[in-house]
Amino acid sequence: MLTWTKLLFFLCGALSPALCCDWLRHYRHLSNTTRSLLNVMGGQLTEEACPVYFPNKLYSNIRTAEVESQLVFIRDSLQLILDLYHHDNLSSSTWDADLTEHFLKSVERQLDGVNTCVSTHRAPDRGLRRYYRTLRRTLHRTGSGNASWELIRKETKRHLDQLELLVAFIRSRTPPV
């Protein structure tokens, strides 16, 4: 019995992280919950264009990376999204406070889940960090008013949509367990 347990641990460690990552099976549900909360915590998303260009190239490039790197990218993206919302006072937004809190807890739950799949503790991709730093500075420069928070919410939705596509891509390349 002990040798089977050792074999199982060895296989989970040696095989692709996605094969042993239970979180991937639950991601769609968690993602839908998070995105629904994001939509209902405020009014309709703003039509205003964000002054910070969306990092489409980062998302394109990560699709060619190994699964471990993709999972790290997802983890870092979720952490950087949380950092955006924790960096300043949300009271200037007109969002429902309870729904906003549930949204942030839902992102934290996703982050906790992906952390079970990632073994590395390397720093986030520089391009990803730079993008979120620029987005945060833009929010700060504009006084962190409601209009700025609405832009952040709109960009967050774009990122959550892209992360869901990335997880679907990972799952399509990974055989079911």
N, C-alpha and C. Protein backbone atom coordinates (compact mmCIF):
# COMPACT_ATOMS: atom_id res chain seq x y z
N MET A 1 0.83 -1.20 0.00
CA MET A 1 0.00 0.00 0.00
C MET A 1 0.87 1.25 0.00
N LEU A 2 1.93 1.23 0.78
CA LEU A 2 2.80 2.39 0.86
C LEU A 2 3.46 2.69 -0.48
N THR A 3 3.80 1.67 -1.23
CA THR A 3 4.44 1.90 -2.53
C THR A 3 3.48 2.53 -3.51
N TRP A 4 2.20 2.21 -3.44
CA TRP A 4 1.21 2.85 -4.33
C TRP A 4 1.08 4.33 -3.99
N THR A 5 1.11 4.64 -2.72
CA THR A 5 1.03 6.04 -2.30
C THR A 5 2.25 6.81 -2.81
N LYS A 6 3.42 6.21 -2.66
CA LYS A 6 4.63 6.86 -3.16
C LYS A 6 4.56 7.05 -4.67
N LEU A 7 4.07 6.04 -5.36
CA LEU A 7 3.95 6.11 -6.82
C LEU A 7 2.99 7.24 -7.22
N LEU A 8 1.89 7.35 -6.51
CA LEU A 8 0.92 8.41 -6.79
C LEU A 8 1.54 9.79 -6.60
N PHE A 9 2.26 9.98 -5.49
CA PHE A 9 2.92 11.26 -5.25
C PHE A 9 3.98 11.55 -6.30
N PHE A 10 4.71 10.52 -6.69
CA PHE A 10 5.72 10.70 -7.73
C PHE A 10 5.09 11.12 -9.04
N LEU A 11 4.00 10.44 -9.42
CA LEU A 11 3.33 10.78 -10.68
C LEU A 11 2.77 12.20 -10.67
N CYS A 12 2.19 12.57 -9.54
CA CYS A 12 1.65 13.94 -9.44
C CYS A 12 2.77 14.98 -9.52
N GLY A 13 3.92 14.66 -8.97
CA GLY A 13 5.04 15.59 -9.03
C GLY A 13 5.72 15.61 -10.38
N ALA A 14 5.77 14.47 -11.04
CA ALA A 14 6.50 14.37 -12.30
C ALA A 14 5.67 14.78 -13.51
N LEU A 15 4.38 14.51 -13.45
CA LEU A 15 3.54 14.84 -14.59
C LEU A 15 3.25 16.33 -14.61
N SER A 16 2.64 16.75 -15.67
CA SER A 16 2.27 18.16 -15.80
C SER A 16 1.45 18.58 -14.58
N PRO A 17 1.69 19.78 -14.07
CA PRO A 17 0.92 20.24 -12.91
C PRO A 17 -0.58 20.23 -13.17
N ALA A 18 -0.97 20.43 -14.41
CA ALA A 18 -2.39 20.48 -14.72
C ALA A 18 -3.06 19.13 -14.52
N LEU A 19 -2.32 18.04 -14.65
CA LEU A 19 -2.91 16.72 -14.48
C LEU A 19 -3.37 16.48 -13.05
N CYS A 20 -2.68 17.06 -12.11
CA CYS A 20 -2.98 16.83 -10.70
C CYS A 20 -3.65 18.04 -10.07
N CYS A 21 -4.11 18.92 -10.85
CA CYS A 21 -4.68 20.16 -10.35
C CYS A 21 -6.20 20.10 -10.36
N ASP A 22 -6.77 19.78 -9.22
CA ASP A 22 -8.21 19.68 -9.09
C ASP A 22 -8.89 21.02 -9.35
N TRP A 23 -8.19 22.08 -9.07
CA TRP A 23 -8.73 23.43 -9.24
C TRP A 23 -9.20 23.68 -10.67
N LEU A 24 -8.51 23.14 -11.65
CA LEU A 24 -8.89 23.36 -13.05
C LEU A 24 -10.29 22.85 -13.36
N ARG A 25 -10.68 21.77 -12.69
CA ARG A 25 -12.03 21.23 -12.93
C ARG A 25 -13.11 22.16 -12.37
N HIS A 26 -12.78 22.94 -11.37
CA HIS A 26 -13.76 23.82 -10.73
C HIS A 26 -13.65 25.26 -11.22
N TYR A 27 -12.69 25.52 -12.05
CA TYR A 27 -12.41 26.90 -12.44
C TYR A 27 -13.61 27.57 -13.10
N ARG A 28 -14.27 26.88 -14.02
CA ARG A 28 -15.38 27.51 -14.75
C ARG A 28 -16.44 28.02 -13.79
N HIS A 29 -16.79 27.21 -12.79
CA HIS A 29 -17.79 27.64 -11.81
C HIS A 29 -17.30 28.85 -11.01
N LEU A 30 -16.06 28.77 -10.52
CA LEU A 30 -15.50 29.88 -9.75
C LEU A 30 -15.41 31.14 -10.59
N SER A 31 -14.99 30.98 -11.83
CA SER A 31 -14.85 32.13 -12.73
C SER A 31 -16.20 32.76 -13.01
N ASN A 32 -17.21 31.93 -13.27
CA ASN A 32 -18.55 32.47 -13.53
C ASN A 32 -19.09 33.23 -12.33
N THR A 33 -18.85 32.70 -11.14
CA THR A 33 -19.28 33.38 -9.92
C THR A 33 -18.58 34.73 -9.79
N THR A 34 -17.27 34.73 -9.99
CA THR A 34 -16.49 35.97 -9.87
C THR A 34 -16.95 37.00 -10.89
N ARG A 35 -17.12 36.58 -12.13
CA ARG A 35 -17.52 37.52 -13.18
C ARG A 35 -18.94 38.02 -12.97
N SER A 36 -19.82 37.17 -12.46
CA SER A 36 -21.19 37.61 -12.17
C SER A 36 -21.20 38.66 -11.07
N LEU A 37 -20.42 38.41 -10.02
CA LEU A 37 -20.33 39.40 -8.94
C LEU A 37 -19.76 40.72 -9.44
N LEU A 38 -18.77 40.65 -10.30
CA LEU A 38 -18.18 41.87 -10.87
C LEU A 38 -19.24 42.66 -11.64
N ASN A 39 -20.08 41.94 -12.37
CA ASN A 39 -21.13 42.61 -13.15
C ASN A 39 -22.20 43.25 -12.29
N VAL A 40 -22.60 42.59 -11.20
CA VAL A 40 -23.72 43.10 -10.41
C VAL A 40 -23.30 44.05 -9.29
N MET A 41 -22.02 44.12 -8.96
CA MET A 41 -21.61 44.99 -7.86
C MET A 41 -21.69 46.47 -8.24
N GLY A 42 -21.71 46.76 -9.53
CA GLY A 42 -21.85 48.13 -10.01
C GLY A 42 -22.90 48.17 -11.10
N GLY A 43 -23.06 49.30 -11.70
CA GLY A 43 -24.00 49.43 -12.79
C GLY A 43 -23.42 48.84 -14.07
N GLN A 44 -23.98 49.28 -15.17
CA GLN A 44 -23.47 48.82 -16.46
C GLN A 44 -22.01 49.25 -16.61
N LEU A 45 -21.23 48.39 -17.24
CA LEU A 45 -19.81 48.71 -17.45
C LEU A 45 -19.68 49.96 -18.32
N THR A 46 -18.68 50.74 -18.02
CA THR A 46 -18.45 51.98 -18.74
C THR A 46 -18.06 51.71 -20.19
N GLU A 47 -18.44 52.62 -21.06
CA GLU A 47 -18.04 52.55 -22.47
C GLU A 47 -16.75 53.32 -22.70
N GLU A 48 -16.30 54.05 -21.69
CA GLU A 48 -15.09 54.85 -21.80
C GLU A 48 -13.88 53.96 -22.07
N ALA A 49 -13.03 54.41 -22.97
CA ALA A 49 -11.81 53.65 -23.29
C ALA A 49 -10.79 53.83 -22.18
N CYS A 50 -10.12 52.76 -21.87
CA CYS A 50 -9.07 52.83 -20.84
C CYS A 50 -7.81 53.43 -21.46
N PRO A 51 -7.17 54.36 -20.76
CA PRO A 51 -5.95 54.97 -21.31
C PRO A 51 -4.75 54.02 -21.31
N VAL A 52 -4.87 52.86 -20.67
CA VAL A 52 -3.79 51.88 -20.62
C VAL A 52 -4.16 50.75 -21.59
N TYR A 53 -3.28 50.49 -22.54
CA TYR A 53 -3.55 49.45 -23.52
C TYR A 53 -3.60 48.07 -22.87
N PHE A 54 -4.59 47.29 -23.26
CA PHE A 54 -4.75 45.93 -22.74
C PHE A 54 -3.61 45.06 -23.27
N PRO A 55 -3.02 44.23 -22.42
CA PRO A 55 -1.83 43.44 -22.81
C PRO A 55 -2.16 42.17 -23.61
N ASN A 56 -2.77 42.34 -24.76
CA ASN A 56 -3.12 41.19 -25.60
C ASN A 56 -1.91 40.33 -25.93
N LYS A 57 -0.77 40.97 -26.13
CA LYS A 57 0.43 40.22 -26.49
C LYS A 57 0.86 39.27 -25.36
N LEU A 58 0.71 39.70 -24.12
CA LEU A 58 1.05 38.83 -22.98
C LEU A 58 0.19 37.56 -23.00
N TYR A 59 -1.09 37.74 -23.28
CA TYR A 59 -1.99 36.58 -23.32
C TYR A 59 -1.69 35.69 -24.52
N SER A 60 -1.31 36.28 -25.63
CA SER A 60 -0.93 35.48 -26.80
C SER A 60 0.33 34.68 -26.53
N ASN A 61 1.32 35.33 -25.94
CA ASN A 61 2.60 34.67 -25.66
C ASN A 61 2.47 33.54 -24.64
N ILE A 62 1.61 33.70 -23.66
CA ILE A 62 1.52 32.69 -22.60
C ILE A 62 0.92 31.40 -23.12
N ARG A 63 0.18 31.45 -24.19
CA ARG A 63 -0.41 30.22 -24.75
C ARG A 63 0.65 29.26 -25.27
N THR A 64 1.83 29.76 -25.59
CA THR A 64 2.89 28.89 -26.11
C THR A 64 3.81 28.39 -25.00
N ALA A 65 3.58 28.83 -23.79
CA ALA A 65 4.42 28.45 -22.66
C ALA A 65 4.00 27.08 -22.11
N GLU A 66 4.84 26.55 -21.22
CA GLU A 66 4.51 25.30 -20.54
C GLU A 66 3.36 25.54 -19.57
N VAL A 67 2.67 24.47 -19.22
CA VAL A 67 1.50 24.56 -18.34
C VAL A 67 1.86 25.22 -17.01
N GLU A 68 3.00 24.85 -16.43
CA GLU A 68 3.41 25.44 -15.15
C GLU A 68 3.50 26.97 -15.27
N SER A 69 4.07 27.45 -16.36
CA SER A 69 4.19 28.90 -16.57
C SER A 69 2.82 29.53 -16.77
N GLN A 70 1.93 28.84 -17.44
CA GLN A 70 0.58 29.35 -17.63
C GLN A 70 -0.16 29.47 -16.30
N LEU A 71 0.01 28.46 -15.46
CA LEU A 71 -0.62 28.50 -14.13
C LEU A 71 -0.04 29.62 -13.27
N VAL A 72 1.25 29.83 -13.38
CA VAL A 72 1.89 30.94 -12.66
C VAL A 72 1.34 32.27 -13.16
N PHE A 73 1.16 32.39 -14.47
CA PHE A 73 0.59 33.60 -15.06
C PHE A 73 -0.82 33.85 -14.52
N ILE A 74 -1.62 32.80 -14.44
CA ILE A 74 -2.98 32.94 -13.91
C ILE A 74 -2.92 33.37 -12.45
N ARG A 75 -2.07 32.70 -11.67
CA ARG A 75 -1.91 33.06 -10.26
C ARG A 75 -1.51 34.53 -10.10
N ASP A 76 -0.50 34.93 -10.86
CA ASP A 76 -0.01 36.30 -10.75
C ASP A 76 -1.06 37.31 -11.18
N SER A 77 -1.80 36.99 -12.22
CA SER A 77 -2.87 37.89 -12.69
C SER A 77 -3.93 38.08 -11.62
N LEU A 78 -4.34 36.98 -11.00
CA LEU A 78 -5.35 37.09 -9.94
C LEU A 78 -4.82 37.90 -8.76
N GLN A 79 -3.56 37.68 -8.39
CA GLN A 79 -2.97 38.44 -7.29
C GLN A 79 -2.89 39.93 -7.63
N LEU A 80 -2.50 40.24 -8.84
CA LEU A 80 -2.38 41.64 -9.25
C LEU A 80 -3.76 42.31 -9.35
N ILE A 81 -4.77 41.55 -9.73
CA ILE A 81 -6.14 42.08 -9.72
C ILE A 81 -6.54 42.43 -8.29
N LEU A 82 -6.29 41.52 -7.37
CA LEU A 82 -6.59 41.80 -5.96
C LEU A 82 -5.85 43.04 -5.46
N ASP A 83 -4.58 43.13 -5.83
CA ASP A 83 -3.78 44.28 -5.42
C ASP A 83 -4.37 45.60 -5.91
N LEU A 84 -4.93 45.59 -7.11
CA LEU A 84 -5.57 46.80 -7.64
C LEU A 84 -6.69 47.28 -6.72
N TYR A 85 -7.49 46.34 -6.26
CA TYR A 85 -8.65 46.69 -5.45
C TYR A 85 -8.28 47.00 -4.00
N HIS A 86 -7.14 46.51 -3.55
CA HIS A 86 -6.72 46.77 -2.18
C HIS A 86 -5.79 47.96 -2.05
N HIS A 87 -5.38 48.52 -3.18
CA HIS A 87 -4.36 49.57 -3.12
C HIS A 87 -4.91 50.92 -2.68
N ASP A 88 -6.19 51.13 -2.82
CA ASP A 88 -6.73 52.46 -2.53
C ASP A 88 -8.10 52.30 -1.88
N ASN A 89 -8.68 53.40 -1.49
CA ASN A 89 -9.96 53.42 -0.82
C ASN A 89 -11.09 53.20 -1.83
N LEU A 90 -11.82 52.11 -1.66
CA LEU A 90 -12.94 51.80 -2.55
C LEU A 90 -14.18 52.63 -2.25
N SER A 91 -14.16 53.43 -1.18
CA SER A 91 -15.36 54.17 -0.80
C SER A 91 -15.76 55.21 -1.84
N SER A 92 -14.83 55.60 -2.71
CA SER A 92 -15.19 56.57 -3.74
C SER A 92 -15.94 55.92 -4.90
N SER A 93 -16.02 54.60 -4.90
CA SER A 93 -16.81 53.93 -5.93
C SER A 93 -18.26 53.88 -5.46
N THR A 94 -19.17 53.70 -6.39
CA THR A 94 -20.59 53.63 -6.04
C THR A 94 -21.08 52.18 -6.02
N TRP A 95 -20.18 51.26 -5.87
CA TRP A 95 -20.53 49.84 -5.90
C TRP A 95 -21.18 49.40 -4.60
N ASP A 96 -21.96 48.37 -4.70
CA ASP A 96 -22.55 47.74 -3.53
C ASP A 96 -21.42 47.14 -2.70
N ALA A 97 -21.29 47.56 -1.45
CA ALA A 97 -20.16 47.15 -0.61
C ALA A 97 -20.15 45.64 -0.34
N ASP A 98 -21.32 45.06 -0.09
CA ASP A 98 -21.37 43.62 0.18
C ASP A 98 -21.00 42.82 -1.06
N LEU A 99 -21.52 43.20 -2.21
CA LEU A 99 -21.20 42.48 -3.44
C LEU A 99 -19.73 42.64 -3.81
N THR A 100 -19.19 43.82 -3.54
CA THR A 100 -17.77 44.05 -3.80
C THR A 100 -16.92 43.14 -2.91
N GLU A 101 -17.30 43.02 -1.65
CA GLU A 101 -16.57 42.15 -0.73
C GLU A 101 -16.67 40.69 -1.19
N HIS A 102 -17.85 40.28 -1.64
CA HIS A 102 -18.01 38.90 -2.14
C HIS A 102 -17.17 38.68 -3.40
N PHE A 103 -17.11 39.69 -4.26
CA PHE A 103 -16.28 39.60 -5.46
C PHE A 103 -14.81 39.40 -5.08
N LEU A 104 -14.31 40.21 -4.16
CA LEU A 104 -12.91 40.09 -3.75
C LEU A 104 -12.63 38.74 -3.09
N LYS A 105 -13.56 38.24 -2.30
CA LYS A 105 -13.39 36.92 -1.69
C LYS A 105 -13.40 35.82 -2.76
N SER A 106 -14.18 36.02 -3.80
CA SER A 106 -14.23 35.04 -4.88
C SER A 106 -12.91 35.01 -5.65
N VAL A 107 -12.32 36.18 -5.87
CA VAL A 107 -11.01 36.22 -6.52
C VAL A 107 -9.97 35.55 -5.62
N GLU A 108 -10.04 35.83 -4.31
CA GLU A 108 -9.12 35.19 -3.36
C GLU A 108 -9.28 33.67 -3.38
N ARG A 109 -10.50 33.21 -3.50
CA ARG A 109 -10.75 31.76 -3.56
C ARG A 109 -10.11 31.16 -4.82
N GLN A 110 -10.23 31.86 -5.94
CA GLN A 110 -9.59 31.40 -7.16
C GLN A 110 -8.07 31.37 -6.98
N LEU A 111 -7.54 32.40 -6.36
CA LEU A 111 -6.11 32.48 -6.11
C LEU A 111 -5.65 31.34 -5.22
N ASP A 112 -6.39 31.06 -4.17
CA ASP A 112 -6.05 29.93 -3.30
C ASP A 112 -6.06 28.63 -4.08
N GLY A 113 -7.03 28.48 -4.97
CA GLY A 113 -7.13 27.26 -5.77
C GLY A 113 -5.95 27.08 -6.70
N VAL A 114 -5.59 28.13 -7.41
CA VAL A 114 -4.47 27.99 -8.36
C VAL A 114 -3.15 27.82 -7.62
N ASN A 115 -3.06 28.35 -6.41
CA ASN A 115 -1.85 28.17 -5.61
C ASN A 115 -1.59 26.70 -5.27
N THR A 116 -2.65 25.89 -5.25
CA THR A 116 -2.47 24.46 -5.01
C THR A 116 -1.83 23.77 -6.20
N CYS A 117 -1.84 24.42 -7.35
CA CYS A 117 -1.31 23.83 -8.58
C CYS A 117 0.09 24.32 -8.93
N VAL A 118 0.54 25.36 -8.27
CA VAL A 118 1.79 26.01 -8.64
C VAL A 118 2.83 25.77 -7.55
N SER A 119 3.98 25.30 -7.97
CA SER A 119 5.01 25.01 -6.99
C SER A 119 6.09 26.09 -6.93
N THR A 120 6.16 26.93 -7.94
CA THR A 120 7.22 27.94 -7.97
C THR A 120 6.76 29.23 -7.28
N HIS A 121 7.74 29.95 -6.77
CA HIS A 121 7.46 31.22 -6.10
C HIS A 121 8.20 32.35 -6.79
N ARG A 122 8.31 32.26 -8.09
CA ARG A 122 9.03 33.30 -8.81
C ARG A 122 8.19 34.56 -8.91
N ALA A 123 8.87 35.65 -9.19
CA ALA A 123 8.20 36.95 -9.30
C ALA A 123 7.33 36.96 -10.56
N PRO A 124 6.25 37.74 -10.53
CA PRO A 124 5.39 37.84 -11.71
C PRO A 124 6.16 38.36 -12.93
N ASP A 125 5.67 37.99 -14.08
CA ASP A 125 6.22 38.45 -15.34
C ASP A 125 6.34 39.98 -15.32
N ARG A 126 7.48 40.49 -15.79
CA ARG A 126 7.72 41.94 -15.74
C ARG A 126 6.68 42.71 -16.54
N GLY A 127 6.31 42.19 -17.70
CA GLY A 127 5.31 42.87 -18.52
C GLY A 127 3.97 42.94 -17.83
N LEU A 128 3.60 41.86 -17.16
CA LEU A 128 2.34 41.83 -16.43
C LEU A 128 2.38 42.80 -15.26
N ARG A 129 3.49 42.78 -14.50
CA ARG A 129 3.64 43.73 -13.38
C ARG A 129 3.59 45.17 -13.87
N ARG A 130 4.28 45.43 -14.98
CA ARG A 130 4.33 46.80 -15.52
C ARG A 130 2.92 47.26 -15.92
N TYR A 131 2.18 46.38 -16.56
CA TYR A 131 0.81 46.73 -16.98
C TYR A 131 -0.04 47.11 -15.77
N TYR A 132 -0.04 46.26 -14.72
CA TYR A 132 -0.86 46.54 -13.55
C TYR A 132 -0.37 47.76 -12.79
N ARG A 133 0.93 47.97 -12.75
CA ARG A 133 1.46 49.17 -12.09
C ARG A 133 0.98 50.42 -12.83
N THR A 134 0.99 50.39 -14.16
CA THR A 134 0.52 51.52 -14.96
C THR A 134 -0.96 51.75 -14.73
N LEU A 135 -1.73 50.67 -14.68
CA LEU A 135 -3.16 50.78 -14.43
C LEU A 135 -3.41 51.40 -13.04
N ARG A 136 -2.66 50.95 -12.04
CA ARG A 136 -2.81 51.48 -10.68
C ARG A 136 -2.43 52.96 -10.64
N ARG A 137 -1.34 53.33 -11.31
CA ARG A 137 -0.92 54.74 -11.33
C ARG A 137 -1.96 55.61 -12.02
N THR A 138 -2.56 55.09 -13.07
CA THR A 138 -3.61 55.83 -13.77
C THR A 138 -4.77 56.10 -12.83
N LEU A 139 -5.14 55.09 -12.06
CA LEU A 139 -6.20 55.25 -11.07
C LEU A 139 -5.81 56.32 -10.05
N HIS A 140 -4.58 56.26 -9.58
CA HIS A 140 -4.12 57.21 -8.58
C HIS A 140 -4.08 58.63 -9.13
N ARG A 141 -3.60 58.79 -10.36
CA ARG A 141 -3.50 60.12 -10.97
C ARG A 141 -4.84 60.78 -11.16
N THR A 142 -5.86 59.96 -11.42
CA THR A 142 -7.18 60.54 -11.67
C THR A 142 -7.98 60.72 -10.38
N GLY A 143 -7.32 60.54 -9.25
CA GLY A 143 -7.97 60.81 -7.97
C GLY A 143 -8.78 59.66 -7.42
N SER A 144 -8.70 58.51 -8.02
CA SER A 144 -9.40 57.32 -7.53
C SER A 144 -10.90 57.54 -7.41
N GLY A 145 -11.45 58.36 -8.28
CA GLY A 145 -12.89 58.61 -8.27
C GLY A 145 -13.66 57.45 -8.88
N ASN A 146 -14.98 57.59 -8.88
CA ASN A 146 -15.84 56.52 -9.38
C ASN A 146 -15.54 56.18 -10.84
N ALA A 147 -15.27 57.17 -11.67
CA ALA A 147 -14.98 56.90 -13.08
C ALA A 147 -13.73 56.03 -13.24
N SER A 148 -12.73 56.28 -12.42
CA SER A 148 -11.51 55.46 -12.45
C SER A 148 -11.79 54.03 -12.01
N TRP A 149 -12.58 53.89 -10.96
CA TRP A 149 -12.92 52.55 -10.49
C TRP A 149 -13.72 51.79 -11.53
N GLU A 150 -14.57 52.50 -12.25
CA GLU A 150 -15.34 51.83 -13.31
C GLU A 150 -14.43 51.35 -14.44
N LEU A 151 -13.39 52.12 -14.74
CA LEU A 151 -12.42 51.65 -15.74
C LEU A 151 -11.69 50.40 -15.23
N ILE A 152 -11.35 50.41 -13.96
CA ILE A 152 -10.69 49.25 -13.37
C ILE A 152 -11.62 48.04 -13.45
N ARG A 153 -12.87 48.23 -13.15
CA ARG A 153 -13.83 47.12 -13.20
C ARG A 153 -13.97 46.59 -14.62
N LYS A 154 -14.00 47.48 -15.58
CA LYS A 154 -14.09 47.07 -16.99
C LYS A 154 -12.85 46.27 -17.40
N GLU A 155 -11.68 46.75 -17.02
CA GLU A 155 -10.44 46.05 -17.37
C GLU A 155 -10.35 44.71 -16.63
N THR A 156 -10.84 44.67 -15.40
CA THR A 156 -10.85 43.42 -14.65
C THR A 156 -11.69 42.39 -15.37
N LYS A 157 -12.83 42.79 -15.89
CA LYS A 157 -13.67 41.86 -16.64
C LYS A 157 -12.93 41.32 -17.85
N ARG A 158 -12.23 42.17 -18.55
CA ARG A 158 -11.46 41.73 -19.72
C ARG A 158 -10.41 40.69 -19.31
N HIS A 159 -9.75 40.93 -18.19
CA HIS A 159 -8.73 39.99 -17.72
C HIS A 159 -9.37 38.67 -17.29
N LEU A 160 -10.45 38.73 -16.55
CA LEU A 160 -11.10 37.49 -16.11
C LEU A 160 -11.59 36.68 -17.31
N ASP A 161 -12.08 37.36 -18.34
CA ASP A 161 -12.49 36.67 -19.57
C ASP A 161 -11.29 35.98 -20.22
N GLN A 162 -10.17 36.67 -20.30
CA GLN A 162 -8.97 36.10 -20.91
C GLN A 162 -8.41 34.94 -20.08
N LEU A 163 -8.48 35.07 -18.77
CA LEU A 163 -8.00 33.98 -17.91
C LEU A 163 -8.87 32.74 -18.08
N GLU A 164 -10.17 32.95 -18.23
CA GLU A 164 -11.05 31.80 -18.45
C GLU A 164 -10.70 31.10 -19.78
N LEU A 165 -10.42 31.89 -20.80
CA LEU A 165 -10.00 31.31 -22.08
C LEU A 165 -8.68 30.54 -21.94
N LEU A 166 -7.76 31.08 -21.15
CA LEU A 166 -6.48 30.42 -20.94
C LEU A 166 -6.68 29.08 -20.21
N VAL A 167 -7.52 29.05 -19.21
CA VAL A 167 -7.78 27.80 -18.50
C VAL A 167 -8.43 26.78 -19.44
N ALA A 168 -9.36 27.24 -20.28
CA ALA A 168 -9.98 26.33 -21.25
C ALA A 168 -8.93 25.77 -22.21
N PHE A 169 -7.98 26.61 -22.58
CA PHE A 169 -6.89 26.18 -23.46
C PHE A 169 -6.03 25.11 -22.76
N ILE A 170 -5.70 25.34 -21.49
CA ILE A 170 -4.91 24.38 -20.73
C ILE A 170 -5.67 23.05 -20.63
N ARG A 171 -6.94 23.12 -20.32
CA ARG A 171 -7.74 21.90 -20.16
C ARG A 171 -7.87 21.15 -21.47
N SER A 172 -7.93 21.87 -22.58
CA SER A 172 -8.06 21.20 -23.88
C SER A 172 -6.79 20.43 -24.25
N ARG A 173 -5.65 20.85 -23.72
CA ARG A 173 -4.37 20.19 -24.01
C ARG A 173 -4.00 19.13 -22.99
N THR A 174 -4.77 19.05 -21.91
CA THR A 174 -4.45 18.13 -20.82
C THR A 174 -5.44 16.98 -20.83
N PRO A 175 -4.98 15.74 -20.86
CA PRO A 175 -5.91 14.61 -20.81
C PRO A 175 -6.65 14.57 -19.49
N PRO A 176 -7.92 14.14 -19.49
CA PRO A 176 -8.68 14.07 -18.24
C PRO A 176 -8.07 13.05 -17.29
N VAL A 177 -8.24 13.33 -16.00
CA VAL A 177 -7.71 12.42 -14.98
C VAL A 177 -8.82 11.51 -14.51
